[in-house]
Amino acid sequence: MGAYDSGFDRDALINNYTIKNIDENNNVYKSGLRNGDIVIKYDFPKWGSPDQIVTIKTTKGEFKFRPESANKKDI
């Protein structure tokens, strides 16, 4: 179990319940989340594990994605 990249500004989520600075190459973007989305509820994997599913509920709906490893390498 290692650290993962959430694909967006996690502090903005925690402090303002808003999605900001989303990485368009990350699974979070592929799930349908976009900059400016207002978050109602979120559930992150325990212990920073990229093997679990993240669930984020916004005013637009519920989005699920697998976070990417912080050590991910594109080949």
PDB file of N, CA and C in Angstrom:
ATOM      1  N   MET A   1       0.832  -1.173   0.000  1.00  0.00           N
ATOM      2  CA  MET A   1       0.000   0.000   0.000  1.00  0.00           C
ATOM      3  C   MET A   1       0.878   1.238   0.000  1.00  0.00           C
ATOM      4  N   GLY A   2       0.673   2.079  -0.998  1.00  0.00           N
ATOM      5  CA  GLY A   2       1.468   3.284  -1.078  1.00  0.00           C
ATOM      6  C   GLY A   2       0.593   4.509  -1.220  1.00  0.00           C
ATOM      7  N   ALA A   3       1.241   5.645  -1.311  1.00  0.00           N
ATOM      8  CA  ALA A   3       0.510   6.902  -1.468  1.00  0.00           C
ATOM      9  C   ALA A   3      -0.121   6.961  -2.852  1.00  0.00           C
ATOM     10  N   TYR A   4      -1.137   7.793  -2.985  1.00  0.00           N
ATOM     11  CA  TYR A   4      -1.770   7.953  -4.281  1.00  0.00           C
ATOM     12  C   TYR A   4      -1.961   9.426  -4.599  1.00  0.00           C
ATOM     13  N   ASP A   5      -2.173   9.703  -5.890  1.00  0.00           N
ATOM     14  CA  ASP A   5      -2.417  11.055  -6.383  1.00  0.00           C
ATOM     15  C   ASP A   5      -3.924  11.204  -6.561  1.00  0.00           C
ATOM     16  N   SER A   6      -4.537  12.116  -5.831  1.00  0.00           N
ATOM     17  CA  SER A   6      -5.993  12.280  -5.921  1.00  0.00           C
ATOM     18  C   SER A   6      -6.414  12.860  -7.274  1.00  0.00           C
ATOM     19  N   GLY A   7      -5.519  13.593  -7.946  1.00  0.00           N
ATOM     20  CA  GLY A   7      -5.839  14.155  -9.255  1.00  0.00           C
ATOM     21  C   GLY A   7      -6.462  15.540  -9.196  1.00  0.00           C
ATOM     22  N   PHE A   8      -6.556  16.111  -7.996  1.00  0.00           N
ATOM     23  CA  PHE A   8      -7.099  17.453  -7.828  1.00  0.00           C
ATOM     24  C   PHE A   8      -6.585  18.010  -6.507  1.00  0.00           C
ATOM     25  N   ASP A   9      -6.931  19.264  -6.225  1.00  0.00           N
ATOM     26  CA  ASP A   9      -6.492  19.933  -4.998  1.00  0.00           C
ATOM     27  C   ASP A   9      -7.306  19.400  -3.815  1.00  0.00           C
ATOM     28  N   ARG A  10      -6.702  18.504  -3.067  1.00  0.00           N
ATOM     29  CA  ARG A  10      -7.409  17.861  -1.952  1.00  0.00           C
ATOM     30  C   ARG A  10      -7.734  18.866  -0.841  1.00  0.00           C
ATOM     31  N   ASP A  11      -6.886  19.868  -0.633  1.00  0.00           N
ATOM     32  CA  ASP A  11      -7.164  20.890   0.381  1.00  0.00           C
ATOM     33  C   ASP A  11      -8.429  21.678   0.040  1.00  0.00           C
ATOM     34  N   ALA A  12      -8.643  21.970  -1.249  1.00  0.00           N
ATOM     35  CA  ALA A  12      -9.853  22.688  -1.668  1.00  0.00           C
ATOM     36  C   ALA A  12     -11.094  21.847  -1.381  1.00  0.00           C
ATOM     37  N   LEU A  13     -10.967  20.542  -1.547  1.00  0.00           N
ATOM     38  CA  LEU A  13     -12.083  19.656  -1.232  1.00  0.00           C
ATOM     39  C   LEU A  13     -12.377  19.683   0.267  1.00  0.00           C
ATOM     40  N   ILE A  14     -11.348  19.501   1.067  1.00  0.00           N
ATOM     41  CA  ILE A  14     -11.521  19.423   2.520  1.00  0.00           C
ATOM     42  C   ILE A  14     -11.989  20.755   3.110  1.00  0.00           C
ATOM     43  N   ASN A  15     -11.422  21.861   2.639  1.00  0.00           N
ATOM     44  CA  ASN A  15     -11.738  23.173   3.218  1.00  0.00           C
ATOM     45  C   ASN A  15     -12.970  23.848   2.619  1.00  0.00           C
ATOM     46  N   ASN A  16     -13.215  23.627   1.311  1.00  0.00           N
ATOM     47  CA  ASN A  16     -14.292  24.348   0.624  1.00  0.00           C
ATOM     48  C   ASN A  16     -15.318  23.447  -0.054  1.00  0.00           C
ATOM     49  N   TYR A  17     -15.137  22.130   0.041  1.00  0.00           N
ATOM     50  CA  TYR A  17     -16.033  21.175  -0.623  1.00  0.00           C
ATOM     51  C   TYR A  17     -16.195  21.502  -2.110  1.00  0.00           C
ATOM     52  N   THR A  18     -15.067  21.833  -2.745  1.00  0.00           N
ATOM     53  CA  THR A  18     -15.049  22.178  -4.163  1.00  0.00           C
ATOM     54  C   THR A  18     -13.916  21.434  -4.857  1.00  0.00           C
ATOM     55  N   ILE A  19     -14.165  20.985  -6.092  1.00  0.00           N
ATOM     56  CA  ILE A  19     -13.121  20.360  -6.903  1.00  0.00           C
ATOM     57  C   ILE A  19     -12.372  21.471  -7.628  1.00  0.00           C
ATOM     58  N   LYS A  20     -11.043  21.513  -7.449  1.00  0.00           N
ATOM     59  CA  LYS A  20     -10.202  22.529  -8.099  1.00  0.00           C
ATOM     60  C   LYS A  20      -8.918  21.885  -8.601  1.00  0.00           C
ATOM     61  N   ASN A  21      -8.331  22.519  -9.609  1.00  0.00           N
ATOM     62  CA  ASN A  21      -7.039  22.099 -10.178  1.00  0.00           C
ATOM     63  C   ASN A  21      -7.032  20.625 -10.568  1.00  0.00           C
ATOM     64  N   ILE A  22      -8.080  20.200 -11.250  1.00  0.00           N
ATOM     65  CA  ILE A  22      -8.193  18.800 -11.653  1.00  0.00           C
ATOM     66  C   ILE A  22      -7.190  18.477 -12.758  1.00  0.00           C
ATOM     67  N   ASP A  23      -6.599  17.313 -12.673  1.00  0.00           N
ATOM     68  CA  ASP A  23      -5.655  16.824 -13.677  1.00  0.00           C
ATOM     69  C   ASP A  23      -6.453  16.059 -14.730  1.00  0.00           C
ATOM     70  N   GLU A  24      -6.509  16.592 -15.940  1.00  0.00           N
ATOM     71  CA  GLU A  24      -7.320  15.990 -16.999  1.00  0.00           C
ATOM     72  C   GLU A  24      -6.797  14.636 -17.470  1.00  0.00           C
ATOM     73  N   ASN A  25      -5.600  14.250 -17.041  1.00  0.00           N
ATOM     74  CA  ASN A  25      -5.047  12.946 -17.406  1.00  0.00           C
ATOM     75  C   ASN A  25      -5.236  11.912 -16.302  1.00  0.00           C
ATOM     76  N   ASN A  26      -5.938  12.283 -15.245  1.00  0.00           N
ATOM     77  CA  ASN A  26      -6.096  11.421 -14.085  1.00  0.00           C
ATOM     78  C   ASN A  26      -7.457  10.726 -14.111  1.00  0.00           C
ATOM     79  N   ASN A  27      -7.567   9.617 -13.383  1.00  0.00           N
ATOM     80  CA  ASN A  27      -8.827   8.875 -13.312  1.00  0.00           C
ATOM     81  C   ASN A  27      -9.980   9.706 -12.764  1.00  0.00           C
ATOM     82  N   VAL A  28      -9.681  10.688 -11.925  1.00  0.00           N
ATOM     83  CA  VAL A  28     -10.741  11.529 -11.366  1.00  0.00           C
ATOM     84  C   VAL A  28     -11.458  12.287 -12.489  1.00  0.00           C
ATOM     85  N   TYR A  29     -10.727  12.772 -13.466  1.00  0.00           N
ATOM     86  CA  TYR A  29     -11.325  13.473 -14.607  1.00  0.00           C
ATOM     87  C   TYR A  29     -12.102  12.492 -15.474  1.00  0.00           C
ATOM     88  N   LYS A  30     -11.518  11.318 -15.686  1.00  0.00           N
ATOM     89  CA  LYS A  30     -12.177  10.286 -16.494  1.00  0.00           C
ATOM     90  C   LYS A  30     -13.500   9.844 -15.880  1.00  0.00           C
ATOM     91  N   SER A  31     -13.631   9.975 -14.556  1.00  0.00           N
ATOM     92  CA  SER A  31     -14.872   9.576 -13.883  1.00  0.00           C
ATOM     93  C   SER A  31     -16.003  10.574 -14.130  1.00  0.00           C
ATOM     94  N   GLY A  32     -15.654  11.798 -14.550  1.00  0.00           N
ATOM     95  CA  GLY A  32     -16.667  12.806 -14.833  1.00  0.00           C
ATOM     96  C   GLY A  32     -16.610  14.030 -13.947  1.00  0.00           C
ATOM     97  N   LEU A  33     -15.783  14.014 -12.915  1.00  0.00           N
ATOM     98  CA  LEU A  33     -15.640  15.194 -12.051  1.00  0.00           C
ATOM     99  C   LEU A  33     -14.965  16.323 -12.823  1.00  0.00           C
ATOM    100  N   ARG A  34     -15.369  17.566 -12.524  1.00  0.00           N
ATOM    101  CA  ARG A  34     -14.814  18.723 -13.211  1.00  0.00           C
ATOM    102  C   ARG A  34     -14.511  19.839 -12.217  1.00  0.00           C
ATOM    103  N   ASN A  35     -13.623  20.758 -12.623  1.00  0.00           N
ATOM    104  CA  ASN A  35     -13.314  21.932 -11.810  1.00  0.00           C
ATOM    105  C   ASN A  35     -14.604  22.676 -11.485  1.00  0.00           C
ATOM    106  N   GLY A  36     -14.722  23.093 -10.240  1.00  0.00           N
ATOM    107  CA  GLY A  36     -15.890  23.843  -9.810  1.00  0.00           C
ATOM    108  C   GLY A  36     -17.024  22.996  -9.267  1.00  0.00           C
ATOM    109  N   ASP A  37     -16.943  21.674  -9.415  1.00  0.00           N
ATOM    110  CA  ASP A  37     -17.995  20.815  -8.869  1.00  0.00           C
ATOM    111  C   ASP A  37     -18.089  21.014  -7.358  1.00  0.00           C
ATOM    112  N   ILE A  38     -19.302  21.110  -6.859  1.00  0.00           N
ATOM    113  CA  ILE A  38     -19.562  21.286  -5.428  1.00  0.00           C
ATOM    114  C   ILE A  38     -19.782  19.904  -4.811  1.00  0.00           C
ATOM    115  N   VAL A  39     -18.984  19.586  -3.806  1.00  0.00           N
ATOM    116  CA  VAL A  39     -19.008  18.262  -3.185  1.00  0.00           C
ATOM    117  C   VAL A  39     -19.948  18.255  -1.983  1.00  0.00           C
ATOM    118  N   ILE A  40     -20.782  17.227  -1.930  1.00  0.00           N
ATOM    119  CA  ILE A  40     -21.703  17.038  -0.812  1.00  0.00           C
ATOM    120  C   ILE A  40     -21.106  16.064   0.205  1.00  0.00           C
ATOM    121  N   LYS A  41     -20.472  15.009  -0.312  1.00  0.00           N
ATOM    122  CA  LYS A  41     -19.924  13.960   0.553  1.00  0.00           C
ATOM    123  C   LYS A  41     -18.783  13.283  -0.187  1.00  0.00           C
ATOM    124  N   TYR A  42     -17.784  12.806   0.562  1.00  0.00           N
ATOM    125  CA  TYR A  42     -16.688  12.076  -0.068  1.00  0.00           C
ATOM    126  C   TYR A  42     -16.176  10.980   0.851  1.00  0.00           C
ATOM    127  N   ASP A  43     -15.613   9.942   0.225  1.00  0.00           N
ATOM    128  CA  ASP A  43     -15.047   8.818   0.957  1.00  0.00           C
ATOM    129  C   ASP A  43     -13.753   8.419   0.261  1.00  0.00           C
ATOM    130  N   PHE A  44     -12.624   8.601   0.958  1.00  0.00           N
ATOM    131  CA  PHE A  44     -11.316   8.258   0.414  1.00  0.00           C
ATOM    132  C   PHE A  44     -10.850   6.918   0.957  1.00  0.00           C
ATOM    133  N   PRO A  45     -10.015   6.208   0.189  1.00  0.00           N
ATOM    134  CA  PRO A  45      -9.474   4.941   0.674  1.00  0.00           C
ATOM    135  C   PRO A  45      -8.708   5.115   1.979  1.00  0.00           C
ATOM    136  N   LYS A  46      -8.745   4.095   2.772  1.00  0.00           N
ATOM    137  CA  LYS A  46      -8.002   4.093   4.035  1.00  0.00           C
ATOM    138  C   LYS A  46      -6.512   3.938   3.757  1.00  0.00           C
ATOM    139  N   TRP A  47      -5.701   4.551   4.564  1.00  0.00           N
ATOM    140  CA  TRP A  47      -4.243   4.439   4.523  1.00  0.00           C
ATOM    141  C   TRP A  47      -3.636   4.826   3.184  1.00  0.00           C
ATOM    142  N   GLY A  48      -4.310   5.636   2.398  1.00  0.00           N
ATOM    143  CA  GLY A  48      -3.741   6.098   1.142  1.00  0.00           C
ATOM    144  C   GLY A  48      -3.562   5.015   0.104  1.00  0.00           C
ATOM    145  N   SER A  49      -4.389   4.000   0.145  1.00  0.00           N
ATOM    146  CA  SER A  49      -4.246   2.870  -0.771  1.00  0.00           C
ATOM    147  C   SER A  49      -4.876   3.151  -2.132  1.00  0.00           C
ATOM    148  N   PRO A  50      -4.097   3.037  -3.225  1.00  0.00           N
ATOM    149  CA  PRO A  50      -4.663   3.209  -4.556  1.00  0.00           C
ATOM    150  C   PRO A  50      -5.462   1.990  -5.008  1.00  0.00           C
ATOM    151  N   ASP A  51      -5.532   0.949  -4.163  1.00  0.00           N
ATOM    152  CA  ASP A  51      -6.265  -0.267  -4.512  1.00  0.00           C
ATOM    153  C   ASP A  51      -7.746  -0.178  -4.171  1.00  0.00           C
ATOM    154  N   GLN A  52      -8.180   0.890  -3.531  1.00  0.00           N
ATOM    155  CA  GLN A  52      -9.572   1.040  -3.142  1.00  0.00           C
ATOM    156  C   GLN A  52     -10.244   2.106  -4.005  1.00  0.00           C
ATOM    157  N   ILE A  53     -11.554   2.127  -3.972  1.00  0.00           N
ATOM    158  CA  ILE A  53     -12.337   3.060  -4.781  1.00  0.00           C
ATOM    159  C   ILE A  53     -12.655   4.326  -3.976  1.00  0.00           C
ATOM    160  N   VAL A  54     -12.456   5.486  -4.608  1.00  0.00           N
ATOM    161  CA  VAL A  54     -12.849   6.773  -4.022  1.00  0.00           C
ATOM    162  C   VAL A  54     -14.266   7.071  -4.509  1.00  0.00           C
ATOM    163  N   THR A  55     -15.110   7.535  -3.611  1.00  0.00           N
ATOM    164  CA  THR A  55     -16.474   7.937  -3.972  1.00  0.00           C
ATOM    165  C   THR A  55     -16.654   9.404  -3.596  1.00  0.00           C
ATOM    166  N   ILE A  56     -17.081  10.202  -4.578  1.00  0.00           N
ATOM    167  CA  ILE A  56     -17.349  11.619  -4.338  1.00  0.00           C
ATOM    168  C   ILE A  56     -18.749  11.924  -4.852  1.00  0.00           C
ATOM    169  N   LYS A  57     -19.604  12.426  -3.960  1.00  0.00           N
ATOM    170  CA  LYS A  57     -20.960  12.813  -4.335  1.00  0.00           C
ATOM    171  C   LYS A  57     -20.996  14.328  -4.470  1.00  0.00           C
ATOM    172  N   THR A  58     -21.454  14.806  -5.626  1.00  0.00           N
ATOM    173  CA  THR A  58     -21.551  16.243  -5.884  1.00  0.00           C
ATOM    174  C   THR A  58     -23.008  16.606  -6.151  1.00  0.00           C
ATOM    175  N   THR A  59     -23.236  17.876  -6.420  1.00  0.00           N
ATOM    176  CA  THR A  59     -24.580  18.316  -6.781  1.00  0.00           C
ATOM    177  C   THR A  59     -24.995  17.764  -8.144  1.00  0.00           C
ATOM    178  N   LYS A  60     -24.028  17.234  -8.928  1.00  0.00           N
ATOM    179  CA  LYS A  60     -24.312  16.653 -10.249  1.00  0.00           C
ATOM    180  C   LYS A  60     -24.520  15.145 -10.204  1.00  0.00           C
ATOM    181  N   GLY A  61     -24.129  14.503  -9.114  1.00  0.00           N
ATOM    182  CA  GLY A  61     -24.257  13.053  -9.030  1.00  0.00           C
ATOM    183  C   GLY A  61     -23.125  12.436  -8.234  1.00  0.00           C
ATOM    184  N   GLU A  62     -23.038  11.110  -8.301  1.00  0.00           N
ATOM    185  CA  GLU A  62     -22.008  10.381  -7.563  1.00  0.00           C
ATOM    186  C   GLU A  62     -20.959   9.856  -8.536  1.00  0.00           C
ATOM    187  N   PHE A  63     -19.687  10.018  -8.181  1.00  0.00           N
ATOM    188  CA  PHE A  63     -18.579   9.627  -9.036  1.00  0.00           C
ATOM    189  C   PHE A  63     -17.664   8.682  -8.274  1.00  0.00           C
ATOM    190  N   LYS A  64     -17.262   7.609  -8.933  1.00  0.00           N
ATOM    191  CA  LYS A  64     -16.356   6.637  -8.319  1.00  0.00           C
ATOM    192  C   LYS A  64     -15.164   6.441  -9.239  1.00  0.00           C
ATOM    193  N   PHE A  65     -13.993   6.346  -8.632  1.00  0.00           N
ATOM    194  CA  PHE A  65     -12.788   6.113  -9.417  1.00  0.00           C
ATOM    195  C   PHE A  65     -11.718   5.496  -8.537  1.00  0.00           C
ATOM    196  N   ARG A  66     -10.777   4.869  -9.187  1.00  0.00           N
ATOM    197  CA  ARG A  66      -9.625   4.302  -8.491  1.00  0.00           C
ATOM    198  C   ARG A  66      -8.504   5.335  -8.569  1.00  0.00           C
ATOM    199  N   PRO A  67      -7.995   5.795  -7.413  1.00  0.00           N
ATOM    200  CA  PRO A  67      -6.904   6.773  -7.446  1.00  0.00           C
ATOM    201  C   PRO A  67      -5.656   6.173  -8.079  1.00  0.00           C
ATOM    202  N   GLU A  68      -4.828   7.031  -8.611  1.00  0.00           N
ATOM    203  CA  GLU A  68      -3.604   6.568  -9.258  1.00  0.00           C
ATOM    204  C   GLU A  68      -2.435   6.641  -8.294  1.00  0.00           C
ATOM    205  N   SER A  69      -1.520   5.726  -8.447  1.00  0.00           N
ATOM    206  CA  SER A  69      -0.321   5.709  -7.610  1.00  0.00           C
ATOM    207  C   SER A  69       0.481   6.979  -7.838  1.00  0.00           C
ATOM    208  N   ALA A  70       1.052   7.497  -6.778  1.00  0.00           N
ATOM    209  CA  ALA A  70       1.909   8.682  -6.899  1.00  0.00           C
ATOM    210  C   ALA A  70       3.163   8.365  -7.701  1.00  0.00           C
ATOM    211  N   ASN A  71       3.483   7.087  -7.849  1.00  0.00           N
ATOM    212  CA  ASN A  71       4.675   6.654  -8.585  1.00  0.00           C
ATOM    213  C   ASN A  71       4.351   6.220 -10.010  1.00  0.00           C
ATOM    214  N   LYS A  72       3.155   6.529 -10.488  1.00  0.00           N
ATOM    215  CA  LYS A  72       2.729   6.108 -11.818  1.00  0.00           C
ATOM    216  C   LYS A  72       3.677   6.647 -12.883  1.00  0.00           C
ATOM    217  N   LYS A  73       3.997   5.790 -13.837  1.00  0.00           N
ATOM    218  CA  LYS A  73       4.858   6.187 -14.953  1.00  0.00           C
ATOM    219  C   LYS A  73       4.145   5.869 -16.257  1.00  0.00           C
ATOM    220  N   ASP A  74       4.062   6.845 -17.135  1.00  0.00           N
ATOM    221  CA  ASP A  74       3.491   6.617 -18.456  1.00  0.00           C
ATOM    222  C   ASP A  74       4.555   6.022 -19.353  1.00  0.00           C
ATOM    223  N   ILE A  75       4.194   4.952 -20.060  1.00  0.00           N
ATOM    224  CA  ILE A  75       5.151   4.335 -20.982  1.00  0.00           C
ATOM    225  C   ILE A  75       4.549   4.228 -22.364  1.00  0.00           C
TER     226      ILE A  75
END
